[in-house]
């Protein structure tokens, strides 16, 4: 992720939930419909990029229990 993208992400994550949802919806819509060939190709490229990053160790990720707890805390309080 570029520094510009990281800055945008950091700022977006600081928004209230409803505004983050609006931003997320607009970003997803900008990729085009998934059922159109271009949309499918964009999602394929993104999924492959994420898979390569995870397999390379650059994105260590989180175990499911930790992630589930973090998400539960975020949405319940």
Protein backbone atom coordinates (compact mmCIF):
# COMPACT_ATOMS: atom_id res chain seq x y z
CA UNK A 1 0.00 0.00 0.00
CA UNK A 2 1.39 3.40 -0.91
CA UNK A 3 1.79 6.12 1.68
CA UNK A 4 -1.05 8.05 0.03
CA UNK A 5 -3.34 5.04 0.30
CA UNK A 6 -2.28 4.46 3.92
CA UNK A 7 -3.09 8.10 4.73
CA UNK A 8 -6.51 7.85 3.11
CA UNK A 9 -7.19 4.59 4.94
CA UNK A 10 -6.13 6.03 8.30
CA UNK A 11 -8.38 9.06 7.77
CA UNK A 12 -11.29 6.91 6.60
CA UNK A 13 -10.99 4.62 9.63
CA UNK A 14 -11.29 7.67 11.89
CA UNK A 15 -14.74 8.48 10.47
CA UNK A 16 -17.96 7.49 12.24
CA UNK A 17 -19.36 4.09 11.25
CA UNK A 18 -22.04 5.42 8.90
CA UNK A 19 -19.55 7.60 7.02
CA UNK A 20 -17.06 4.70 6.77
CA UNK A 21 -19.84 2.57 5.30
CA UNK A 22 -20.58 5.27 2.72
CA UNK A 23 -16.89 5.54 1.78
CA UNK A 24 -16.58 1.75 1.53
CA UNK A 25 -19.66 1.52 -0.68
CA UNK A 26 -18.36 4.23 -2.99
CA UNK A 27 -14.94 2.58 -3.26
CA UNK A 28 -16.49 -0.80 -4.05
CA UNK A 29 -18.83 0.77 -6.60
CA UNK A 30 -15.85 2.41 -8.29
CA UNK A 31 -14.48 -1.05 -9.11
CA UNK A 32 -17.49 -1.74 -11.31
CA UNK A 33 -20.02 -4.54 -11.16
CA UNK A 34 -18.49 -7.87 -10.21
CA UNK A 35 -20.59 -9.66 -12.81
CA UNK A 36 -19.08 -7.63 -15.67
CA UNK A 37 -15.79 -8.88 -17.16
CA UNK A 38 -13.82 -5.80 -16.03
CA UNK A 39 -15.21 -6.03 -12.51
CA UNK A 40 -14.38 -9.71 -12.32
CA UNK A 41 -10.84 -9.07 -13.49
CA UNK A 42 -10.31 -6.30 -10.92
CA UNK A 43 -11.49 -8.56 -8.09
CA UNK A 44 -9.32 -11.42 -9.38
CA UNK A 45 -6.24 -9.17 -9.44
CA UNK A 46 -6.97 -7.87 -5.93
CA UNK A 47 -7.53 -11.35 -4.50
CA UNK A 48 -4.31 -12.60 -6.08
CA UNK A 49 -2.40 -9.59 -4.70
CA UNK A 50 -3.71 -10.26 -1.20
CA UNK A 51 -2.97 -13.97 -1.44
CA UNK A 52 0.61 -13.32 -2.60
CA UNK A 53 1.11 -10.82 0.24
CA UNK A 54 -0.21 -13.28 2.82
CA UNK A 55 1.90 -16.15 1.48
CA UNK A 56 5.06 -14.00 1.39
CA UNK A 57 4.74 -13.17 5.08
CA UNK A 58 4.42 -9.42 4.42
CA UNK A 59 0.92 -9.54 5.88
CA UNK A 60 1.03 -11.89 8.86
CA UNK A 61 -2.70 -11.50 9.54
CA UNK A 62 -4.47 -12.49 12.74
CA UNK A 63 -5.74 -15.75 14.06
CA UNK A 64 -9.54 -16.11 13.93
CA UNK A 65 -10.09 -15.91 17.71
CA UNK A 66 -8.20 -12.61 17.96
CA UNK A 67 -9.95 -11.14 14.94
CA UNK A 68 -13.38 -12.24 16.16
CA UNK A 69 -12.76 -10.66 19.57
CA UNK A 70 -11.49 -7.40 18.02
CA UNK A 71 -14.53 -7.16 15.74
CA UNK A 72 -16.93 -8.01 18.55
CA UNK A 73 -15.39 -5.27 20.69
CA UNK A 74 -15.62 -2.79 17.84
CA UNK A 75 -19.30 -3.42 17.16
CA UNK A 76 -20.56 -3.94 20.70
CA UNK A 77 -18.89 -1.20 22.57
